[in-house]
Protein backbone atom coordinates (compact mmCIF):
# COMPACT_ATOMS: atom_id res chain seq x y z
CA MET A 1 6.45 -1.84 -25.40
CA ARG A 2 7.49 -5.44 -24.89
CA LEU A 3 7.00 -7.45 -21.75
CA LEU A 4 9.45 -10.27 -21.20
CA ARG A 5 6.90 -12.75 -20.00
CA PRO A 6 5.67 -15.83 -21.85
CA ASN A 7 2.29 -15.57 -23.54
CA VAL A 8 1.70 -11.91 -22.63
CA ASP A 9 0.74 -9.79 -25.62
CA LEU A 10 0.19 -6.09 -25.09
CA THR A 11 -0.52 -5.15 -28.68
CA ASP A 12 -4.29 -5.46 -28.36
CA ARG A 13 -4.58 -3.89 -24.91
CA PRO A 14 -6.34 -0.52 -24.51
CA PRO A 15 -3.96 2.46 -24.73
CA ARG A 16 -4.74 3.68 -21.21
CA GLU A 17 -4.07 0.24 -19.78
CA ARG A 18 -0.69 0.23 -21.53
CA LEU A 19 0.04 3.70 -20.12
CA VAL A 20 -0.67 2.47 -16.59
CA LEU A 21 1.68 -0.47 -17.11
CA ALA A 22 4.38 1.75 -18.63
CA SER A 23 4.14 4.11 -15.68
CA LEU A 24 4.45 1.24 -13.20
CA ILE A 25 7.44 -0.17 -15.09
CA ALA A 26 9.13 3.25 -15.23
CA ALA A 27 8.68 3.63 -11.46
CA ARG A 28 11.00 0.61 -10.94
CA GLY A 29 9.21 -0.82 -7.93
CA ARG A 30 8.21 2.50 -6.39
CA THR A 31 4.58 3.38 -5.77
CA VAL A 32 2.83 5.44 -8.43
CA PRO A 33 0.08 7.52 -6.77
CA THR A 34 -3.41 7.04 -8.19
CA GLY A 35 -3.68 10.79 -8.73
CA GLU A 36 -0.57 10.70 -10.90
CA LEU A 37 -2.08 7.92 -12.99
CA VAL A 38 -5.31 9.92 -13.36
CA ASP A 39 -3.31 12.96 -14.51
CA LEU A 40 -1.35 10.82 -16.97
CA LEU A 41 -4.48 9.27 -18.46
CA TRP A 42 -6.82 12.28 -18.60
CA GLY A 43 -4.84 15.44 -17.92
CA GLU A 44 -6.63 18.47 -16.48
CA GLU A 45 -10.20 17.23 -17.00
CA PRO A 46 -10.55 13.65 -15.73
CA PRO A 47 -14.00 12.06 -15.68
CA SER A 48 -15.72 11.66 -12.33
CA THR A 49 -15.11 7.92 -12.66
CA ALA A 50 -11.33 8.26 -13.23
CA VAL A 51 -10.22 6.54 -10.01
CA ASN A 52 -12.58 3.64 -10.68
CA LYS A 53 -11.26 3.35 -14.24
CA VAL A 54 -7.67 3.25 -12.96
CA GLN A 55 -8.70 0.45 -10.59
CA ARG A 56 -10.24 -1.44 -13.52
CA HIS A 57 -7.07 -1.02 -15.61
CA VAL A 58 -5.00 -2.35 -12.71
CA GLY A 59 -7.35 -5.32 -12.36
CA GLU A 60 -6.99 -6.10 -16.06
CA LEU A 61 -3.20 -5.87 -15.78
CA ARG A 62 -3.24 -8.24 -12.82
CA ARG A 63 -5.20 -10.81 -14.83
CA LEU A 64 -2.95 -10.28 -17.85
CA LEU A 65 0.22 -10.85 -15.83
CA GLU A 66 -1.30 -13.65 -13.73
CA PRO A 67 -3.96 -15.39 -15.87
CA GLU A 68 -4.80 -17.90 -13.14
CA LEU A 69 -5.70 -15.12 -10.71
CA PRO A 70 -9.33 -15.22 -9.53
CA ALA A 71 -11.49 -12.13 -10.02
CA ARG A 72 -10.87 -9.39 -7.42
CA ALA A 73 -7.71 -11.10 -6.13
CA THR A 74 -4.65 -8.90 -5.70
CA GLY A 75 -2.02 -11.37 -6.87
CA SER A 76 1.70 -10.79 -6.63
CA ALA A 77 2.51 -8.68 -9.72
CA VAL A 78 0.72 -5.36 -9.09
CA HIS A 79 0.32 -4.27 -5.48
CA GLY A 80 -1.96 -1.65 -4.03
CA ALA A 81 0.33 0.51 -1.93
CA GLY A 82 -1.30 3.24 0.11
CA GLU A 83 -2.78 5.70 -2.34
CA GLY A 84 -1.34 4.08 -5.45
CA TYR A 85 0.12 1.00 -7.08
CA ARG A 86 3.51 -0.57 -7.59
CA LEU A 87 4.70 -3.31 -9.88
CA ASP A 88 6.91 -6.09 -8.60
CA PRO A 89 10.07 -5.50 -10.67
CA THR A 90 10.74 -9.24 -10.97
CA VAL A 91 7.59 -9.55 -13.12
CA VAL A 92 8.94 -7.59 -16.11
């Protein structure tokens, strides 16, 4: 997967983080429910911490796409939307 953004390298990112990003890109600006991301990452037997881990992956993606973003800030690239997340399509 290649991201057309200067200085963003996905090759060393954790596989699950890349799956979250790929899912958000494939959704083309639509919200991807957190439950769908959990299913994608862990299948039928997710850990009890799955939702928290998805949140952490999203936080890492936010900092990757917006390096100047302070910790815990939402930024403008990945938005929490109801029970899920969506990627601003102008970012990729």
